[in-house]
Amino acid sequence: MGGFMARVKGKGKGRGKRGKKRKVGEERIVVRLMGEGQYYIDKDILREVNRIDNQMVKMLRDERVDEHAVIESIAAMRSLVKIKGKRVKDDIIIPSHIIIPTTDITVEEAREVFKGEGIIPEGILD
């Protein structure tokens, strides 16, 4: 699966921190929310974020893109991660697979960030 994922370190026989049984080799994605920290998310959440990411790429191709729509889309991605993800403890240093910008980004900056395949490399969903 490439170098995009962080291995889950379960306790005991395939059990996570809360005693939930995890599949052997189950992986989580690390997302950095600029200005707020990092979160672990699973592939289902990643697919939801990717859907918005793909919409952003298309939206930003339009010269007359609505700046408010850009801000709302980034806010939606950030909200999904914060609500459905699990915060990485601040004392843990781990590389991020995806970085979601803050909502104060300009349309020009967003065009640079969300160009090509966007912020989520297509291979990460395999």
N, C-alpha and C. Protein backbone atom coordinates (compact mmCIF):
# COMPACT_ATOMS: atom_id res chain seq x y z
N MET A 1 0.81 -1.20 0.00
CA MET A 1 0.00 0.00 0.00
C MET A 1 0.85 1.26 0.00
N GLY A 2 2.08 1.18 -0.34
CA GLY A 2 2.90 2.38 -0.44
C GLY A 2 3.22 2.96 0.93
N GLY A 3 3.78 4.15 0.92
CA GLY A 3 4.19 4.79 2.15
C GLY A 3 3.19 5.79 2.67
N PHE A 4 1.93 5.67 2.32
CA PHE A 4 0.94 6.67 2.68
C PHE A 4 0.27 6.44 4.03
N MET A 5 0.42 5.32 4.65
CA MET A 5 -0.36 4.99 5.83
C MET A 5 0.52 4.84 7.07
N ALA A 6 -0.11 4.98 8.21
CA ALA A 6 0.56 4.73 9.48
C ALA A 6 0.00 3.43 10.05
N ARG A 7 0.85 2.56 10.45
CA ARG A 7 0.39 1.30 11.03
C ARG A 7 -0.24 1.55 12.39
N VAL A 8 -1.33 0.85 12.65
CA VAL A 8 -1.98 0.93 13.96
C VAL A 8 -1.20 0.05 14.91
N LYS A 9 -0.86 0.58 16.04
CA LYS A 9 -0.16 -0.18 17.05
C LYS A 9 -1.16 -0.61 18.10
N GLY A 10 -1.71 -1.80 17.93
CA GLY A 10 -2.71 -2.30 18.87
C GLY A 10 -2.06 -2.88 20.10
N LYS A 11 -2.83 -3.06 21.14
CA LYS A 11 -2.33 -3.67 22.37
C LYS A 11 -2.81 -5.12 22.41
N GLY A 12 -1.93 -5.97 22.79
CA GLY A 12 -2.32 -7.36 22.93
C GLY A 12 -2.61 -8.00 21.58
N LYS A 13 -3.59 -8.87 21.56
CA LYS A 13 -3.89 -9.65 20.37
C LYS A 13 -4.83 -8.89 19.44
N GLY A 14 -4.29 -7.91 18.70
CA GLY A 14 -5.08 -7.21 17.71
C GLY A 14 -6.09 -6.25 18.32
N ARG A 15 -5.91 -5.84 19.54
CA ARG A 15 -6.86 -4.93 20.17
C ARG A 15 -6.26 -3.54 20.25
N GLY A 16 -7.08 -2.55 19.95
CA GLY A 16 -6.67 -1.16 20.02
C GLY A 16 -6.74 -0.66 21.45
N LYS A 17 -6.52 0.61 21.60
CA LYS A 17 -6.47 1.24 22.91
C LYS A 17 -7.74 1.02 23.72
N ARG A 18 -8.88 1.08 23.09
CA ARG A 18 -10.16 0.94 23.79
C ARG A 18 -10.67 -0.49 23.82
N GLY A 19 -9.82 -1.43 23.44
CA GLY A 19 -10.22 -2.83 23.49
C GLY A 19 -10.97 -3.28 22.25
N LYS A 20 -11.16 -2.38 21.28
CA LYS A 20 -11.84 -2.77 20.05
C LYS A 20 -10.91 -3.64 19.23
N LYS A 21 -11.43 -4.72 18.72
CA LYS A 21 -10.60 -5.61 17.92
C LYS A 21 -10.32 -4.96 16.57
N ARG A 22 -9.07 -4.95 16.20
CA ARG A 22 -8.65 -4.39 14.91
C ARG A 22 -8.15 -5.53 14.04
N LYS A 23 -8.30 -5.35 12.75
CA LYS A 23 -7.76 -6.33 11.82
C LYS A 23 -6.24 -6.21 11.84
N VAL A 24 -5.58 -7.33 11.69
CA VAL A 24 -4.12 -7.33 11.64
C VAL A 24 -3.71 -6.51 10.43
N GLY A 25 -2.81 -5.55 10.65
CA GLY A 25 -2.32 -4.73 9.55
C GLY A 25 -3.25 -3.57 9.19
N GLU A 26 -4.33 -3.38 9.96
CA GLU A 26 -5.23 -2.26 9.68
C GLU A 26 -4.44 -0.97 9.73
N GLU A 27 -4.75 -0.05 8.83
CA GLU A 27 -3.97 1.16 8.73
C GLU A 27 -4.85 2.40 8.89
N ARG A 28 -4.22 3.46 9.37
CA ARG A 28 -4.90 4.74 9.51
C ARG A 28 -4.11 5.79 8.76
N ILE A 29 -4.80 6.81 8.33
CA ILE A 29 -4.20 7.92 7.61
C ILE A 29 -4.02 9.06 8.61
N VAL A 30 -2.91 9.76 8.52
CA VAL A 30 -2.65 10.89 9.39
C VAL A 30 -2.90 12.17 8.59
N VAL A 31 -3.80 13.00 9.11
CA VAL A 31 -4.16 14.26 8.46
C VAL A 31 -3.75 15.41 9.37
N ARG A 32 -3.06 16.39 8.79
CA ARG A 32 -2.73 17.60 9.54
C ARG A 32 -3.72 18.68 9.14
N LEU A 33 -4.37 19.24 10.15
CA LEU A 33 -5.20 20.42 9.95
C LEU A 33 -4.31 21.60 10.28
N MET A 34 -3.93 22.36 9.30
CA MET A 34 -3.03 23.50 9.53
C MET A 34 -3.58 24.35 10.66
N GLY A 35 -2.71 24.66 11.62
CA GLY A 35 -3.09 25.50 12.74
C GLY A 35 -3.80 24.79 13.88
N GLU A 36 -4.08 23.48 13.74
CA GLU A 36 -4.83 22.77 14.78
C GLU A 36 -4.23 21.45 15.23
N GLY A 37 -3.40 20.84 14.45
CA GLY A 37 -2.83 19.57 14.86
C GLY A 37 -3.14 18.46 13.88
N GLN A 38 -2.89 17.22 14.34
CA GLN A 38 -3.04 16.04 13.49
C GLN A 38 -4.15 15.14 14.01
N TYR A 39 -4.72 14.37 13.07
CA TYR A 39 -5.79 13.43 13.38
C TYR A 39 -5.56 12.14 12.61
N TYR A 40 -5.93 11.02 13.24
CA TYR A 40 -5.99 9.74 12.54
C TYR A 40 -7.39 9.63 11.93
N ILE A 41 -7.46 9.20 10.68
CA ILE A 41 -8.76 8.90 10.07
C ILE A 41 -8.65 7.55 9.38
N ASP A 42 -9.81 6.94 9.15
CA ASP A 42 -9.81 5.68 8.41
C ASP A 42 -10.18 5.97 6.95
N LYS A 43 -10.18 4.93 6.14
CA LYS A 43 -10.42 5.11 4.71
C LYS A 43 -11.83 5.59 4.39
N ASP A 44 -12.82 5.25 5.22
CA ASP A 44 -14.18 5.73 4.97
C ASP A 44 -14.24 7.25 5.10
N ILE A 45 -13.60 7.78 6.12
CA ILE A 45 -13.55 9.24 6.29
C ILE A 45 -12.73 9.85 5.16
N LEU A 46 -11.64 9.20 4.81
CA LEU A 46 -10.81 9.69 3.72
C LEU A 46 -11.61 9.80 2.42
N ARG A 47 -12.46 8.83 2.16
CA ARG A 47 -13.29 8.89 0.95
C ARG A 47 -14.22 10.10 0.95
N GLU A 48 -14.77 10.42 2.13
CA GLU A 48 -15.63 11.60 2.24
C GLU A 48 -14.83 12.88 1.99
N VAL A 49 -13.65 12.96 2.58
CA VAL A 49 -12.79 14.13 2.38
C VAL A 49 -12.36 14.19 0.91
N ASN A 50 -12.06 13.06 0.31
CA ASN A 50 -11.64 13.01 -1.09
C ASN A 50 -12.74 13.51 -2.02
N ARG A 51 -13.97 13.21 -1.70
CA ARG A 51 -15.10 13.68 -2.52
C ARG A 51 -15.10 15.21 -2.55
N ILE A 52 -14.90 15.84 -1.40
CA ILE A 52 -14.86 17.30 -1.33
C ILE A 52 -13.61 17.82 -2.04
N ASP A 53 -12.50 17.14 -1.86
CA ASP A 53 -11.24 17.50 -2.51
C ASP A 53 -11.43 17.53 -4.03
N ASN A 54 -12.06 16.50 -4.58
CA ASN A 54 -12.30 16.44 -6.02
C ASN A 54 -13.22 17.56 -6.49
N GLN A 55 -14.22 17.90 -5.69
CA GLN A 55 -15.11 19.02 -6.01
C GLN A 55 -14.32 20.34 -6.02
N MET A 56 -13.40 20.48 -5.07
CA MET A 56 -12.57 21.68 -5.00
C MET A 56 -11.72 21.84 -6.26
N VAL A 57 -11.11 20.76 -6.71
CA VAL A 57 -10.27 20.80 -7.90
C VAL A 57 -11.11 21.31 -9.08
N LYS A 58 -12.30 20.76 -9.25
CA LYS A 58 -13.18 21.18 -10.35
C LYS A 58 -13.62 22.63 -10.18
N MET A 59 -14.03 22.99 -8.98
CA MET A 59 -14.53 24.33 -8.70
C MET A 59 -13.46 25.39 -8.99
N LEU A 60 -12.22 25.09 -8.63
CA LEU A 60 -11.14 26.07 -8.77
C LEU A 60 -10.67 26.25 -10.21
N ARG A 61 -11.14 25.41 -11.11
CA ARG A 61 -10.82 25.58 -12.53
C ARG A 61 -11.58 26.78 -13.12
N ASP A 62 -12.70 27.12 -12.50
CA ASP A 62 -13.52 28.23 -12.96
C ASP A 62 -12.86 29.55 -12.55
N GLU A 63 -12.66 30.43 -13.51
CA GLU A 63 -12.04 31.73 -13.21
C GLU A 63 -12.89 32.56 -12.24
N ARG A 64 -14.20 32.36 -12.25
CA ARG A 64 -15.10 33.16 -11.41
C ARG A 64 -15.55 32.38 -10.17
N VAL A 65 -14.68 31.55 -9.64
CA VAL A 65 -15.02 30.74 -8.48
C VAL A 65 -15.41 31.65 -7.30
N ASP A 66 -16.41 31.20 -6.58
CA ASP A 66 -16.89 31.94 -5.41
C ASP A 66 -15.97 31.65 -4.22
N GLU A 67 -15.33 32.70 -3.71
CA GLU A 67 -14.41 32.55 -2.58
C GLU A 67 -15.10 31.92 -1.37
N HIS A 68 -16.36 32.26 -1.17
CA HIS A 68 -17.12 31.71 -0.04
C HIS A 68 -17.28 30.18 -0.19
N ALA A 69 -17.48 29.71 -1.41
CA ALA A 69 -17.60 28.27 -1.66
C ALA A 69 -16.30 27.55 -1.35
N VAL A 70 -15.18 28.18 -1.65
CA VAL A 70 -13.87 27.60 -1.34
C VAL A 70 -13.71 27.46 0.18
N ILE A 71 -14.04 28.52 0.89
CA ILE A 71 -13.93 28.51 2.35
C ILE A 71 -14.85 27.45 2.96
N GLU A 72 -16.08 27.36 2.46
CA GLU A 72 -17.03 26.36 2.97
C GLU A 72 -16.53 24.94 2.74
N SER A 73 -15.94 24.70 1.57
CA SER A 73 -15.45 23.35 1.25
C SER A 73 -14.29 22.96 2.16
N ILE A 74 -13.37 23.88 2.37
CA ILE A 74 -12.24 23.59 3.27
C ILE A 74 -12.75 23.37 4.69
N ALA A 75 -13.70 24.21 5.11
CA ALA A 75 -14.28 24.05 6.45
C ALA A 75 -14.96 22.70 6.58
N ALA A 76 -15.63 22.23 5.53
CA ALA A 76 -16.29 20.93 5.57
C ALA A 76 -15.28 19.79 5.72
N MET A 77 -14.17 19.87 4.99
CA MET A 77 -13.12 18.85 5.12
C MET A 77 -12.56 18.83 6.54
N ARG A 78 -12.26 20.01 7.06
CA ARG A 78 -11.69 20.12 8.40
C ARG A 78 -12.67 19.58 9.44
N SER A 79 -13.93 19.93 9.29
CA SER A 79 -14.95 19.48 10.23
C SER A 79 -15.09 17.96 10.22
N LEU A 80 -15.10 17.36 9.04
CA LEU A 80 -15.18 15.89 8.93
C LEU A 80 -14.04 15.23 9.71
N VAL A 81 -12.84 15.73 9.52
CA VAL A 81 -11.67 15.15 10.18
C VAL A 81 -11.77 15.33 11.69
N LYS A 82 -12.15 16.53 12.14
CA LYS A 82 -12.22 16.79 13.58
C LYS A 82 -13.32 15.98 14.26
N ILE A 83 -14.46 15.85 13.61
CA ILE A 83 -15.59 15.15 14.22
C ILE A 83 -15.43 13.63 14.16
N LYS A 84 -14.99 13.12 13.02
CA LYS A 84 -14.93 11.67 12.84
C LYS A 84 -13.55 11.06 13.07
N GLY A 85 -12.53 11.90 13.09
CA GLY A 85 -11.18 11.41 13.30
C GLY A 85 -10.83 11.34 14.78
N LYS A 86 -9.61 10.91 15.05
CA LYS A 86 -9.12 10.82 16.42
C LYS A 86 -7.85 11.66 16.51
N ARG A 87 -7.84 12.59 17.41
CA ARG A 87 -6.71 13.52 17.56
C ARG A 87 -5.44 12.77 17.92
N VAL A 88 -4.35 13.10 17.25
CA VAL A 88 -3.03 12.57 17.58
C VAL A 88 -2.52 13.40 18.76
N LYS A 89 -2.05 12.74 19.78
CA LYS A 89 -1.54 13.46 20.95
C LYS A 89 -0.42 14.40 20.52
N ASP A 90 -0.41 15.58 21.13
CA ASP A 90 0.56 16.61 20.76
C ASP A 90 2.01 16.17 20.95
N ASP A 91 2.26 15.23 21.87
CA ASP A 91 3.64 14.81 22.12
C ASP A 91 4.11 13.72 21.15
N ILE A 92 3.24 13.30 20.24
CA ILE A 92 3.61 12.28 19.25
C ILE A 92 4.03 12.99 17.97
N ILE A 93 5.19 12.65 17.47
CA ILE A 93 5.68 13.23 16.22
C ILE A 93 5.56 12.16 15.15
N ILE A 94 4.73 12.44 14.16
CA ILE A 94 4.46 11.50 13.08
C ILE A 94 4.22 12.28 11.80
N PRO A 95 4.73 11.80 10.68
CA PRO A 95 4.51 12.52 9.42
C PRO A 95 3.03 12.48 9.01
N SER A 96 2.59 13.56 8.39
CA SER A 96 1.21 13.63 7.89
C SER A 96 1.17 13.14 6.45
N HIS A 97 0.10 12.44 6.11
CA HIS A 97 -0.10 11.98 4.74
C HIS A 97 -0.84 13.03 3.92
N ILE A 98 -1.66 13.81 4.60
CA ILE A 98 -2.49 14.83 3.95
C ILE A 98 -2.45 16.07 4.83
N ILE A 99 -2.39 17.24 4.19
CA ILE A 99 -2.44 18.50 4.91
C ILE A 99 -3.62 19.31 4.37
N ILE A 100 -4.52 19.68 5.27
CA ILE A 100 -5.68 20.49 4.90
C ILE A 100 -5.41 21.92 5.36
N PRO A 101 -5.46 22.87 4.41
CA PRO A 101 -5.16 24.26 4.78
C PRO A 101 -6.24 24.88 5.67
N THR A 102 -5.92 26.06 6.18
CA THR A 102 -6.90 26.81 6.98
C THR A 102 -7.90 27.48 6.04
N THR A 103 -8.98 27.97 6.63
CA THR A 103 -10.04 28.59 5.83
C THR A 103 -9.71 30.03 5.42
N ASP A 104 -8.59 30.55 5.88
CA ASP A 104 -8.23 31.91 5.47
C ASP A 104 -7.38 31.93 4.20
N ILE A 105 -7.35 30.82 3.49
CA ILE A 105 -6.61 30.70 2.24
C ILE A 105 -7.29 31.56 1.16
N THR A 106 -6.48 32.14 0.28
CA THR A 106 -7.04 32.90 -0.83
C THR A 106 -7.37 31.94 -1.97
N VAL A 107 -8.17 32.40 -2.91
CA VAL A 107 -8.51 31.57 -4.07
C VAL A 107 -7.24 31.22 -4.84
N GLU A 108 -6.34 32.16 -4.99
CA GLU A 108 -5.08 31.90 -5.71
C GLU A 108 -4.26 30.83 -4.99
N GLU A 109 -4.16 30.93 -3.68
CA GLU A 109 -3.44 29.91 -2.91
C GLU A 109 -4.14 28.56 -3.01
N ALA A 110 -5.45 28.56 -2.96
CA ALA A 110 -6.22 27.31 -3.07
C ALA A 110 -5.97 26.65 -4.42
N ARG A 111 -5.85 27.44 -5.46
CA ARG A 111 -5.58 26.88 -6.80
C ARG A 111 -4.24 26.16 -6.82
N GLU A 112 -3.27 26.68 -6.09
CA GLU A 112 -1.96 26.02 -6.02
C GLU A 112 -2.03 24.72 -5.20
N VAL A 113 -2.78 24.74 -4.12
CA VAL A 113 -2.89 23.59 -3.23
C VAL A 113 -3.74 22.47 -3.84
N PHE A 114 -4.84 22.84 -4.47
CA PHE A 114 -5.81 21.86 -4.98
C PHE A 114 -5.68 21.63 -6.49
N LYS A 115 -4.49 21.75 -7.02
CA LYS A 115 -4.32 21.49 -8.45
C LYS A 115 -4.04 20.01 -8.69
N GLY A 116 -4.14 19.60 -9.93
CA GLY A 116 -3.89 18.20 -10.27
C GLY A 116 -4.92 17.29 -9.63
N GLU A 117 -4.47 16.38 -8.80
CA GLU A 117 -5.40 15.45 -8.13
C GLU A 117 -5.86 15.98 -6.79
N GLY A 118 -5.47 17.20 -6.43
CA GLY A 118 -5.89 17.79 -5.16
C GLY A 118 -4.93 17.42 -4.04
N ILE A 119 -5.42 17.51 -2.82
CA ILE A 119 -4.55 17.24 -1.66
C ILE A 119 -4.45 15.76 -1.31
N ILE A 120 -5.32 14.96 -1.92
CA ILE A 120 -5.31 13.52 -1.62
C ILE A 120 -4.82 12.76 -2.84
N PRO A 121 -3.63 12.19 -2.76
CA PRO A 121 -3.13 11.39 -3.88
C PRO A 121 -4.05 10.19 -4.13
N GLU A 122 -4.38 9.95 -5.38
CA GLU A 122 -5.31 8.87 -5.72
C GLU A 122 -4.85 7.51 -5.19
N GLY A 123 -3.56 7.24 -5.15
CA GLY A 123 -3.06 5.95 -4.70
C GLY A 123 -3.34 5.63 -3.25
N ILE A 124 -3.62 6.64 -2.46
CA ILE A 124 -3.85 6.44 -1.02
C ILE A 124 -5.18 5.71 -0.76
N LEU A 125 -6.08 5.75 -1.72
CA LEU A 125 -7.38 5.12 -1.55
C LEU A 125 -7.40 3.64 -1.95
N ASP A 126 -6.29 3.17 -2.52
CA ASP A 126 -6.23 1.75 -2.97
C ASP A 126 -6.23 0.81 -1.80
